[in-house]
């Protein structure tokens, strides 16, 4: 790569649906069990479907943005949080009753949120962000990914969750 050329920051293609289903099937009970203490950066959300009323359990990456626990997702279940909604958030084996709120953001706001998460220990790899070895993506590089990076996040009403 030329020293003056911009780093290539891109999003990896998502895994096939069957892989996600399998991983979710394995991770749900693990995250809720005492073994969940060993998993950092991943949390389990449990909430009621707004229309179906059924219980939904979803493993997601845990991100800290301005000391607020946040989830980035484009999945349809995010719409359950369009109005402040109750949720049980399990992190490192500890369940926390709280509320989550869906927040729609611009590509620039999403890029800034992702950068803040990366700065507080978030995993670019788990978010599907790829860049050259040793390169930290900038807000401008992340914003250049546009809507592919996402246009909404869920903020949870509780303080930062610690890894201790």
C-alpha atoms as a PDB file:
ATOM      1  CA  UNK A   1       0.000   0.000   0.000  1.00  0.00           C
ATOM      2  CA  UNK A   2       1.308   3.476  -0.847  1.00  0.00           C
ATOM      3  CA  UNK A   3       2.015   5.632   2.221  1.00  0.00           C
ATOM      4  CA  UNK A   4      -0.267   8.411   0.923  1.00  0.00           C
ATOM      5  CA  UNK A   5      -3.118   6.134  -0.146  1.00  0.00           C
ATOM      6  CA  UNK A   6      -6.105   5.838   2.182  1.00  0.00           C
ATOM      7  CA  UNK A   7      -6.463   2.650   4.187  1.00  0.00           C
ATOM      8  CA  UNK A   8      -9.105   0.283   2.940  1.00  0.00           C
ATOM      9  CA  UNK A   9     -11.786   0.098   5.607  1.00  0.00           C
ATOM     10  CA  UNK A  10     -14.666  -2.162   4.651  1.00  0.00           C
ATOM     11  CA  UNK A  11     -17.400  -4.324   6.079  1.00  0.00           C
ATOM     12  CA  UNK A  12     -17.038  -8.078   5.863  1.00  0.00           C
ATOM     13  CA  UNK A  13     -20.008  -9.902   4.376  1.00  0.00           C
ATOM     14  CA  UNK A  14     -22.312 -11.279   7.062  1.00  0.00           C
ATOM     15  CA  UNK A  15     -22.166 -14.991   7.790  1.00  0.00           C
ATOM     16  CA  UNK A  16     -24.801 -17.194   6.169  1.00  0.00           C
ATOM     17  CA  UNK A  17     -28.141 -17.278   8.054  1.00  0.00           C
ATOM     18  CA  UNK A  18     -27.629 -20.898   9.125  1.00  0.00           C
ATOM     19  CA  UNK A  19     -24.354 -19.939  10.856  1.00  0.00           C
ATOM     20  CA  UNK A  20     -26.059 -17.095  12.744  1.00  0.00           C
ATOM     21  CA  UNK A  21     -28.925 -19.376  13.792  1.00  0.00           C
ATOM     22  CA  UNK A  22     -26.460 -22.002  15.034  1.00  0.00           C
ATOM     23  CA  UNK A  23     -24.335 -19.467  16.918  1.00  0.00           C
ATOM     24  CA  UNK A  24     -27.414 -17.888  18.516  1.00  0.00           C
ATOM     25  CA  UNK A  25     -28.701 -21.326  19.518  1.00  0.00           C
ATOM     26  CA  UNK A  26     -25.381 -22.080  21.246  1.00  0.00           C
ATOM     27  CA  UNK A  27     -24.802 -18.629  22.765  1.00  0.00           C
ATOM     28  CA  UNK A  28     -28.250 -18.050  24.340  1.00  0.00           C
ATOM     29  CA  UNK A  29     -27.890 -20.649  27.114  1.00  0.00           C
ATOM     30  CA  UNK A  30     -24.161 -19.997  27.557  1.00  0.00           C
ATOM     31  CA  UNK A  31     -24.573 -16.252  28.115  1.00  0.00           C
ATOM     32  CA  UNK A  32     -27.373 -16.836  30.657  1.00  0.00           C
ATOM     33  CA  UNK A  33     -25.400 -19.474  32.589  1.00  0.00           C
ATOM     34  CA  UNK A  34     -22.509 -19.099  35.048  1.00  0.00           C
ATOM     35  CA  UNK A  35     -20.227 -19.764  32.056  1.00  0.00           C
ATOM     36  CA  UNK A  36     -21.405 -16.406  30.718  1.00  0.00           C
ATOM     37  CA  UNK A  37     -18.942 -14.784  33.132  1.00  0.00           C
ATOM     38  CA  UNK A  38     -16.190 -15.771  30.710  1.00  0.00           C
ATOM     39  CA  UNK A  39     -17.684 -13.913  27.723  1.00  0.00           C
ATOM     40  CA  UNK A  40     -16.735 -10.261  27.483  1.00  0.00           C
ATOM     41  CA  UNK A  41     -18.162  -7.931  24.874  1.00  0.00           C
ATOM     42  CA  UNK A  42     -21.304 -10.009  24.281  1.00  0.00           C
ATOM     43  CA  UNK A  43     -24.657  -9.670  26.041  1.00  0.00           C
ATOM     44  CA  UNK A  44     -28.002 -11.440  25.883  1.00  0.00           C
ATOM     45  CA  UNK A  45     -31.160  -9.383  25.423  1.00  0.00           C
ATOM     46  CA  UNK A  46     -34.511 -10.848  26.495  1.00  0.00           C
ATOM     47  CA  UNK A  47     -37.679  -8.920  25.693  1.00  0.00           C
ATOM     48  CA  UNK A  48     -41.294  -9.331  24.570  1.00  0.00           C
ATOM     49  CA  UNK A  49     -42.199  -8.962  20.907  1.00  0.00           C
ATOM     50  CA  UNK A  50     -44.298  -5.824  20.508  1.00  0.00           C
ATOM     51  CA  UNK A  51     -46.860  -7.524  18.258  1.00  0.00           C
ATOM     52  CA  UNK A  52     -46.460 -11.241  18.942  1.00  0.00           C
ATOM     53  CA  UNK A  53     -45.963 -10.963  22.693  1.00  0.00           C
ATOM     54  CA  UNK A  54     -43.542 -13.868  22.520  1.00  0.00           C
ATOM     55  CA  UNK A  55     -40.252 -13.841  24.423  1.00  0.00           C
ATOM     56  CA  UNK A  56     -37.284 -13.032  22.202  1.00  0.00           C
ATOM     57  CA  UNK A  57     -33.697 -13.790  23.274  1.00  0.00           C
ATOM     58  CA  UNK A  58     -30.921 -12.297  21.160  1.00  0.00           C
ATOM     59  CA  UNK A  59     -27.141 -12.351  21.728  1.00  0.00           C
ATOM     60  CA  UNK A  60     -25.543  -9.057  20.621  1.00  0.00           C
ATOM     61  CA  UNK A  61     -22.227  -7.252  20.943  1.00  0.00           C
ATOM     62  CA  UNK A  62     -21.986  -4.967  23.969  1.00  0.00           C
ATOM     63  CA  UNK A  63     -20.714  -1.502  23.056  1.00  0.00           C
ATOM     64  CA  UNK A  64     -20.009   1.468  25.300  1.00  0.00           C
ATOM     65  CA  UNK A  65     -20.783   4.838  23.739  1.00  0.00           C
ATOM     66  CA  UNK A  66     -20.372   7.833  26.055  1.00  0.00           C
ATOM     67  CA  UNK A  67     -20.540   5.405  29.013  1.00  0.00           C
ATOM     68  CA  UNK A  68     -23.931   4.105  27.840  1.00  0.00           C
ATOM     69  CA  UNK A  69     -24.415   0.421  27.053  1.00  0.00           C
ATOM     70  CA  UNK A  70     -25.407   0.288  23.392  1.00  0.00           C
ATOM     71  CA  UNK A  71     -26.210  -2.329  20.749  1.00  0.00           C
ATOM     72  CA  UNK A  72     -25.690  -1.743  17.034  1.00  0.00           C
ATOM     73  CA  UNK A  73     -28.029  -3.772  14.829  1.00  0.00           C
ATOM     74  CA  UNK A  74     -29.888  -3.700  11.547  1.00  0.00           C
ATOM     75  CA  UNK A  75     -31.975  -6.747  12.476  1.00  0.00           C
ATOM     76  CA  UNK A  76     -35.775  -6.381  12.323  1.00  0.00           C
ATOM     77  CA  UNK A  77     -36.182  -7.140  16.059  1.00  0.00           C
ATOM     78  CA  UNK A  78     -34.723  -3.660  16.773  1.00  0.00           C
ATOM     79  CA  UNK A  79     -38.187  -2.189  16.085  1.00  0.00           C
ATOM     80  CA  UNK A  80     -39.326  -3.612  19.448  1.00  0.00           C
ATOM     81  CA  UNK A  81     -37.402  -0.705  21.011  1.00  0.00           C
ATOM     82  CA  UNK A  82     -38.987   2.149  19.013  1.00  0.00           C
ATOM     83  CA  UNK A  83     -40.504   3.372  22.241  1.00  0.00           C
ATOM     84  CA  UNK A  84     -38.649   2.875  25.526  1.00  0.00           C
ATOM     85  CA  UNK A  85     -39.173  -0.845  26.145  1.00  0.00           C
ATOM     86  CA  UNK A  86     -38.368  -3.173  29.053  1.00  0.00           C
ATOM     87  CA  UNK A  87     -35.560  -5.671  28.545  1.00  0.00           C
ATOM     88  CA  UNK A  88     -33.486  -8.062  30.607  1.00  0.00           C
ATOM     89  CA  UNK A  89     -29.860  -7.577  29.620  1.00  0.00           C
ATOM     90  CA  UNK A  90     -27.506 -10.362  30.739  1.00  0.00           C
ATOM     91  CA  UNK A  91     -23.798  -9.565  30.700  1.00  0.00           C
ATOM     92  CA  UNK A  92     -21.088 -11.825  32.111  1.00  0.00           C
ATOM     93  CA  UNK A  93     -23.734 -14.009  33.753  1.00  0.00           C
ATOM     94  CA  UNK A  94     -25.453 -11.104  35.548  1.00  0.00           C
ATOM     95  CA  UNK A  95     -29.023 -10.158  34.605  1.00  0.00           C
ATOM     96  CA  UNK A  96     -30.011  -6.479  34.640  1.00  0.00           C
ATOM     97  CA  UNK A  97     -33.637  -5.304  34.267  1.00  0.00           C
ATOM     98  CA  UNK A  98     -33.607  -2.094  32.266  1.00  0.00           C
ATOM     99  CA  UNK A  99     -35.141  -0.325  29.286  1.00  0.00           C
ATOM    100  CA  UNK A 100     -33.863   0.078  25.750  1.00  0.00           C
ATOM    101  CA  UNK A 101     -34.612   2.819  23.233  1.00  0.00           C
ATOM    102  CA  UNK A 102     -34.056   2.684  19.479  1.00  0.00           C
ATOM    103  CA  UNK A 103     -32.225   5.757  18.204  1.00  0.00           C
ATOM    104  CA  UNK A 104     -32.041   6.522  14.491  1.00  0.00           C
ATOM    105  CA  UNK A 105     -28.738   8.102  13.461  1.00  0.00           C
ATOM    106  CA  UNK A 106     -27.024   9.509  10.382  1.00  0.00           C
ATOM    107  CA  UNK A 107     -24.005   7.711   8.881  1.00  0.00           C
ATOM    108  CA  UNK A 108     -21.747  10.291  10.541  1.00  0.00           C
ATOM    109  CA  UNK A 109     -23.385   9.777  13.954  1.00  0.00           C
ATOM    110  CA  UNK A 110     -23.150   5.988  13.565  1.00  0.00           C
ATOM    111  CA  UNK A 111     -19.475   6.283  12.601  1.00  0.00           C
ATOM    112  CA  UNK A 112     -18.777   8.416  15.687  1.00  0.00           C
ATOM    113  CA  UNK A 113     -20.631   5.912  17.915  1.00  0.00           C
ATOM    114  CA  UNK A 114     -18.697   2.966  16.441  1.00  0.00           C
ATOM    115  CA  UNK A 115     -15.392   4.823  16.887  1.00  0.00           C
ATOM    116  CA  UNK A 116     -16.279   5.555  20.542  1.00  0.00           C
ATOM    117  CA  UNK A 117     -17.084   1.884  21.054  1.00  0.00           C
ATOM    118  CA  UNK A 118     -13.754   0.870  19.526  1.00  0.00           C
ATOM    119  CA  UNK A 119     -11.973   3.370  21.787  1.00  0.00           C
ATOM    120  CA  UNK A 120     -13.538   1.739  24.880  1.00  0.00           C
ATOM    121  CA  UNK A 121     -12.651  -1.855  23.970  1.00  0.00           C
ATOM    122  CA  UNK A 122     -15.273  -2.720  21.349  1.00  0.00           C
ATOM    123  CA  UNK A 123     -14.246  -5.286  18.747  1.00  0.00           C
ATOM    124  CA  UNK A 124     -13.994  -4.208  15.101  1.00  0.00           C
ATOM    125  CA  UNK A 125     -13.864  -7.867  14.131  1.00  0.00           C
ATOM    126  CA  UNK A 126     -17.147  -8.691  15.908  1.00  0.00           C
ATOM    127  CA  UNK A 127     -18.711  -5.638  14.218  1.00  0.00           C
ATOM    128  CA  UNK A 128     -17.565  -6.923  10.835  1.00  0.00           C
ATOM    129  CA  UNK A 129     -15.195  -3.993  10.246  1.00  0.00           C
ATOM    130  CA  UNK A 130     -12.066  -4.901   8.311  1.00  0.00           C
ATOM    131  CA  UNK A 131      -9.000  -2.704   7.867  1.00  0.00           C
ATOM    132  CA  UNK A 132      -5.288  -3.261   7.241  1.00  0.00           C
ATOM    133  CA  UNK A 133      -3.349  -4.789  10.124  1.00  0.00           C
ATOM    134  CA  UNK A 134      -2.455  -2.161  12.702  1.00  0.00           C
ATOM    135  CA  UNK A 135      -4.762   0.489  11.220  1.00  0.00           C
ATOM    136  CA  UNK A 136      -7.451   2.031  13.434  1.00  0.00           C
ATOM    137  CA  UNK A 137     -10.407   3.213  11.301  1.00  0.00           C
ATOM    138  CA  UNK A 138     -11.157   6.916  11.611  1.00  0.00           C
ATOM    139  CA  UNK A 139     -14.622   8.414  11.986  1.00  0.00           C
ATOM    140  CA  UNK A 140     -14.367   9.656   8.378  1.00  0.00           C
ATOM    141  CA  UNK A 141     -13.467   6.170   7.099  1.00  0.00           C
ATOM    142  CA  UNK A 142     -16.337   4.622   9.039  1.00  0.00           C
ATOM    143  CA  UNK A 143     -18.778   7.292   7.836  1.00  0.00           C
ATOM    144  CA  UNK A 144     -17.700   6.540   4.253  1.00  0.00           C
ATOM    145  CA  UNK A 145     -19.227   3.072   4.713  1.00  0.00           C
ATOM    146  CA  UNK A 146     -22.562   4.906   4.740  1.00  0.00           C
ATOM    147  CA  UNK A 147     -25.824   3.105   5.498  1.00  0.00           C
ATOM    148  CA  UNK A 148     -24.063  -0.286   5.314  1.00  0.00           C
ATOM    149  CA  UNK A 149     -22.664   0.477   8.784  1.00  0.00           C
ATOM    150  CA  UNK A 150     -26.215   0.914  10.084  1.00  0.00           C
ATOM    151  CA  UNK A 151     -28.658   3.697  10.788  1.00  0.00           C
ATOM    152  CA  UNK A 152     -29.903   2.878  14.269  1.00  0.00           C
ATOM    153  CA  UNK A 153     -28.668   1.804  17.655  1.00  0.00           C
ATOM    154  CA  UNK A 154     -30.291   0.766  20.908  1.00  0.00           C
ATOM    155  CA  UNK A 155     -29.297   2.588  24.086  1.00  0.00           C
ATOM    156  CA  UNK A 156     -29.927   0.925  27.438  1.00  0.00           C
ATOM    157  CA  UNK A 157     -30.827   2.792  30.642  1.00  0.00           C
ATOM    158  CA  UNK A 158     -28.044   1.590  32.908  1.00  0.00           C
ATOM    159  CA  UNK A 159     -24.473   2.560  33.615  1.00  0.00           C
ATOM    160  CA  UNK A 160     -21.424   0.974  32.043  1.00  0.00           C
ATOM    161  CA  UNK A 161     -21.077  -2.761  32.581  1.00  0.00           C
ATOM    162  CA  UNK A 162     -17.627  -3.692  33.788  1.00  0.00           C
ATOM    163  CA  UNK A 163     -15.497  -6.624  32.741  1.00  0.00           C
ATOM    164  CA  UNK A 164     -14.369  -7.313  36.306  1.00  0.00           C
END
